[in-house]
Amino acid sequence: MSRPPLILDQPPEPERESGRAPAVFALDDALSFLPALQLNGDDARRASHGVAVPGDASGTVRLRDTDGLIALGEPREPGLIKPVVGFRG
């Protein structure tokens, strides 16, 4: 059975999915299995430019601010998290 084509300028309608999970997820939601470090002000701006910010983590974390996902970061020196995959700049 074929499905109708996905129209990209319209968000998917979950009720058409017959109770299945939506096929499109926000990136922050898709990465929600990773812990998040909430950043403010200058730290958020620095992280968006790839500069290490204060924080502690034992592995990869989502770096977020009030506008959402900034980058994925990894621990470097003690007390510093370095953005390694940026999503905005």
N, C-alpha and C. Protein backbone atom coordinates (compact mmCIF):
# COMPACT_ATOMS: atom_id res chain seq x y z
N MET A 1 0.85 -1.16 0.00
CA MET A 1 0.00 0.00 0.00
C MET A 1 0.90 1.23 0.00
N SER A 2 0.66 2.15 -0.93
CA SER A 2 1.50 3.33 -1.00
C SER A 2 0.93 4.46 -0.15
N ARG A 3 1.81 5.31 0.33
CA ARG A 3 1.42 6.45 1.16
C ARG A 3 1.49 7.70 0.30
N PRO A 4 0.69 8.71 0.63
CA PRO A 4 0.77 9.96 -0.14
C PRO A 4 2.12 10.63 0.12
N PRO A 5 2.60 11.46 -0.83
CA PRO A 5 3.89 12.12 -0.63
C PRO A 5 3.83 13.10 0.53
N LEU A 6 4.98 13.29 1.18
CA LEU A 6 5.08 14.24 2.28
C LEU A 6 5.26 15.64 1.68
N ILE A 7 4.39 16.57 2.07
CA ILE A 7 4.48 17.94 1.61
C ILE A 7 5.30 18.70 2.64
N LEU A 8 6.48 19.18 2.26
CA LEU A 8 7.43 19.73 3.22
C LEU A 8 7.04 21.07 3.81
N ASP A 9 6.16 21.82 3.16
CA ASP A 9 5.79 23.11 3.72
C ASP A 9 4.64 23.00 4.71
N GLN A 10 4.22 21.79 5.03
CA GLN A 10 3.17 21.56 6.01
C GLN A 10 3.69 20.60 7.08
N PRO A 11 3.46 20.91 8.36
CA PRO A 11 3.90 19.96 9.38
C PRO A 11 3.09 18.67 9.30
N PRO A 12 3.70 17.54 9.66
CA PRO A 12 2.96 16.28 9.63
C PRO A 12 1.82 16.30 10.64
N GLU A 13 0.75 15.64 10.29
CA GLU A 13 -0.41 15.58 11.18
C GLU A 13 -0.43 14.21 11.84
N PRO A 14 -0.15 14.14 13.16
CA PRO A 14 -0.07 12.83 13.84
C PRO A 14 -1.34 12.01 13.70
N GLU A 15 -2.51 12.65 13.59
CA GLU A 15 -3.73 11.87 13.49
C GLU A 15 -3.79 11.06 12.20
N ARG A 16 -3.02 11.46 11.19
CA ARG A 16 -2.96 10.69 9.96
C ARG A 16 -2.05 9.48 10.11
N GLU A 17 -1.26 9.42 11.14
CA GLU A 17 -0.30 8.35 11.32
C GLU A 17 -0.89 7.12 12.00
N SER A 18 -2.18 7.10 12.20
CA SER A 18 -2.86 5.95 12.80
C SER A 18 -2.28 5.55 14.14
N GLY A 19 -1.98 6.54 14.97
CA GLY A 19 -1.49 6.26 16.31
C GLY A 19 -0.01 5.98 16.41
N ARG A 20 0.70 5.95 15.31
CA ARG A 20 2.15 5.73 15.36
C ARG A 20 2.86 7.01 15.76
N ALA A 21 4.09 6.88 16.19
CA ALA A 21 4.89 8.04 16.56
C ALA A 21 5.11 8.91 15.33
N PRO A 22 5.22 10.22 15.51
CA PRO A 22 5.45 11.09 14.35
C PRO A 22 6.75 10.76 13.64
N ALA A 23 6.78 10.96 12.34
CA ALA A 23 7.94 10.63 11.53
C ALA A 23 9.00 11.72 11.59
N VAL A 24 8.65 12.92 12.04
CA VAL A 24 9.58 14.04 12.10
C VAL A 24 9.70 14.50 13.54
N PHE A 25 10.92 14.61 14.03
CA PHE A 25 11.18 15.06 15.39
C PHE A 25 12.07 16.29 15.35
N ALA A 26 11.90 17.18 16.31
CA ALA A 26 12.84 18.28 16.47
C ALA A 26 14.19 17.68 16.88
N LEU A 27 15.29 18.29 16.43
CA LEU A 27 16.61 17.75 16.72
C LEU A 27 16.86 17.64 18.22
N ASP A 28 16.45 18.64 18.99
CA ASP A 28 16.64 18.60 20.44
C ASP A 28 15.87 17.42 21.04
N ASP A 29 14.68 17.15 20.53
CA ASP A 29 13.90 16.01 21.01
C ASP A 29 14.56 14.68 20.63
N ALA A 30 15.08 14.60 19.42
CA ALA A 30 15.73 13.37 18.97
C ALA A 30 16.99 13.07 19.79
N LEU A 31 17.62 14.11 20.31
CA LEU A 31 18.84 13.94 21.11
C LEU A 31 18.58 13.99 22.61
N SER A 32 17.32 13.89 23.00
CA SER A 32 16.96 14.04 24.41
C SER A 32 17.53 12.93 25.31
N PHE A 33 18.06 11.86 24.72
CA PHE A 33 18.70 10.82 25.53
C PHE A 33 20.03 11.32 26.10
N LEU A 34 20.56 12.43 25.56
CA LEU A 34 21.79 13.02 26.09
C LEU A 34 21.45 14.04 27.17
N PRO A 35 22.25 14.13 28.22
CA PRO A 35 21.99 15.16 29.23
C PRO A 35 22.18 16.54 28.64
N ALA A 36 21.54 17.54 29.24
CA ALA A 36 21.60 18.91 28.73
C ALA A 36 22.27 19.82 29.75
N LEU A 37 23.03 20.77 29.25
CA LEU A 37 23.62 21.82 30.06
C LEU A 37 23.00 23.13 29.60
N GLN A 38 22.25 23.78 30.48
CA GLN A 38 21.57 25.03 30.15
C GLN A 38 22.54 26.19 30.31
N LEU A 39 22.72 26.98 29.23
CA LEU A 39 23.65 28.11 29.24
C LEU A 39 22.89 29.42 29.20
N ASN A 40 23.52 30.48 29.71
CA ASN A 40 22.92 31.80 29.70
C ASN A 40 23.90 32.82 29.11
N GLY A 41 23.37 33.87 28.56
CA GLY A 41 24.15 35.05 28.14
C GLY A 41 25.41 34.77 27.37
N ASP A 42 26.54 35.25 27.93
CA ASP A 42 27.82 35.14 27.24
C ASP A 42 28.26 33.70 27.01
N ASP A 43 27.97 32.82 27.95
CA ASP A 43 28.35 31.41 27.75
C ASP A 43 27.62 30.82 26.54
N ALA A 44 26.35 31.15 26.37
CA ALA A 44 25.60 30.65 25.22
C ALA A 44 26.18 31.21 23.92
N ARG A 45 26.54 32.49 23.92
CA ARG A 45 27.13 33.11 22.73
C ARG A 45 28.48 32.47 22.40
N ARG A 46 29.31 32.25 23.43
CA ARG A 46 30.61 31.63 23.21
C ARG A 46 30.45 30.21 22.65
N ALA A 47 29.54 29.44 23.24
CA ALA A 47 29.33 28.06 22.76
C ALA A 47 28.87 28.05 21.31
N SER A 48 28.06 29.03 20.92
CA SER A 48 27.58 29.07 19.53
C SER A 48 28.71 29.35 18.55
N HIS A 49 29.84 29.86 19.06
CA HIS A 49 31.02 30.12 18.22
C HIS A 49 32.12 29.09 18.44
N GLY A 50 31.80 28.00 19.15
CA GLY A 50 32.75 26.91 19.31
C GLY A 50 33.76 27.07 20.43
N VAL A 51 33.53 28.05 21.31
CA VAL A 51 34.45 28.30 22.41
C VAL A 51 34.02 27.48 23.63
N ALA A 52 34.99 26.89 24.33
CA ALA A 52 34.69 26.10 25.52
C ALA A 52 34.01 26.96 26.59
N VAL A 53 33.08 26.33 27.32
CA VAL A 53 32.33 27.03 28.37
C VAL A 53 32.44 26.24 29.68
N PRO A 54 32.25 26.93 30.82
CA PRO A 54 32.32 26.23 32.10
C PRO A 54 31.21 25.17 32.22
N GLY A 55 31.55 24.03 32.79
CA GLY A 55 30.57 22.98 33.02
C GLY A 55 31.24 21.66 33.28
N ASP A 56 30.50 20.74 33.84
CA ASP A 56 31.01 19.41 34.12
C ASP A 56 30.14 18.37 33.43
N ALA A 57 30.78 17.38 32.83
CA ALA A 57 30.06 16.29 32.18
C ALA A 57 30.98 15.08 32.10
N SER A 58 30.39 13.90 32.03
CA SER A 58 31.19 12.69 31.90
C SER A 58 31.19 12.17 30.47
N GLY A 59 30.48 12.85 29.59
CA GLY A 59 30.39 12.45 28.18
C GLY A 59 29.75 13.57 27.39
N THR A 60 29.25 13.23 26.22
CA THR A 60 28.62 14.21 25.34
C THR A 60 27.36 14.77 25.98
N VAL A 61 27.18 16.09 25.87
CA VAL A 61 25.99 16.77 26.39
C VAL A 61 25.43 17.71 25.34
N ARG A 62 24.14 18.00 25.48
CA ARG A 62 23.51 19.04 24.66
C ARG A 62 23.75 20.38 25.34
N LEU A 63 24.23 21.36 24.58
CA LEU A 63 24.39 22.72 25.09
C LEU A 63 23.18 23.50 24.60
N ARG A 64 22.41 24.05 25.55
CA ARG A 64 21.15 24.71 25.23
C ARG A 64 21.10 26.10 25.85
N ASP A 65 20.22 26.94 25.31
CA ASP A 65 19.87 28.20 25.95
C ASP A 65 18.37 28.37 25.82
N THR A 66 17.86 29.56 26.12
CA THR A 66 16.41 29.76 26.09
C THR A 66 15.83 29.60 24.68
N ASP A 67 16.67 29.72 23.64
CA ASP A 67 16.19 29.55 22.27
C ASP A 67 16.29 28.11 21.78
N GLY A 68 16.89 27.22 22.59
CA GLY A 68 16.97 25.82 22.20
C GLY A 68 18.39 25.31 22.07
N LEU A 69 18.56 24.33 21.22
CA LEU A 69 19.83 23.62 21.06
C LEU A 69 20.88 24.49 20.38
N ILE A 70 22.06 24.58 20.99
CA ILE A 70 23.18 25.33 20.41
C ILE A 70 24.17 24.38 19.76
N ALA A 71 24.58 23.36 20.51
CA ALA A 71 25.63 22.45 20.05
C ALA A 71 25.65 21.21 20.91
N LEU A 72 26.44 20.23 20.47
CA LEU A 72 26.81 19.10 21.32
C LEU A 72 28.20 19.40 21.84
N GLY A 73 28.41 19.15 23.12
CA GLY A 73 29.70 19.44 23.72
C GLY A 73 30.27 18.22 24.41
N GLU A 74 31.60 18.22 24.55
CA GLU A 74 32.30 17.14 25.24
C GLU A 74 33.26 17.74 26.26
N PRO A 75 33.48 17.02 27.37
CA PRO A 75 34.40 17.53 28.39
C PRO A 75 35.83 17.57 27.84
N ARG A 76 36.52 18.63 28.18
CA ARG A 76 37.94 18.76 27.81
C ARG A 76 38.74 18.86 29.10
N GLU A 77 39.22 20.01 29.42
CA GLU A 77 39.92 20.22 30.69
C GLU A 77 38.89 20.11 31.80
N PRO A 78 39.34 19.83 33.03
CA PRO A 78 38.38 19.79 34.14
C PRO A 78 37.60 21.11 34.24
N GLY A 79 36.28 20.97 34.27
CA GLY A 79 35.42 22.15 34.40
C GLY A 79 35.11 22.88 33.11
N LEU A 80 35.50 22.32 31.95
CA LEU A 80 35.22 22.96 30.66
C LEU A 80 34.55 21.98 29.71
N ILE A 81 33.57 22.49 28.99
CA ILE A 81 32.87 21.72 27.95
C ILE A 81 33.14 22.41 26.62
N LYS A 82 33.64 21.66 25.64
CA LYS A 82 33.96 22.19 24.32
C LYS A 82 32.89 21.79 23.32
N PRO A 83 32.24 22.76 22.65
CA PRO A 83 31.30 22.40 21.58
C PRO A 83 32.04 21.68 20.46
N VAL A 84 31.50 20.54 20.03
CA VAL A 84 32.16 19.75 18.98
C VAL A 84 31.29 19.65 17.72
N VAL A 85 29.99 19.81 17.87
CA VAL A 85 29.07 19.84 16.73
C VAL A 85 28.13 21.01 16.96
N GLY A 86 28.26 22.05 16.15
CA GLY A 86 27.44 23.24 16.32
C GLY A 86 26.21 23.22 15.43
N PHE A 87 25.12 23.79 15.94
CA PHE A 87 23.87 23.84 15.18
C PHE A 87 23.46 25.26 14.83
N ARG A 88 24.10 26.25 15.42
CA ARG A 88 23.86 27.65 15.04
C ARG A 88 25.06 28.48 15.42
N GLY A 89 25.19 29.63 14.79
CA GLY A 89 26.37 30.44 15.05
C GLY A 89 26.11 31.90 15.07
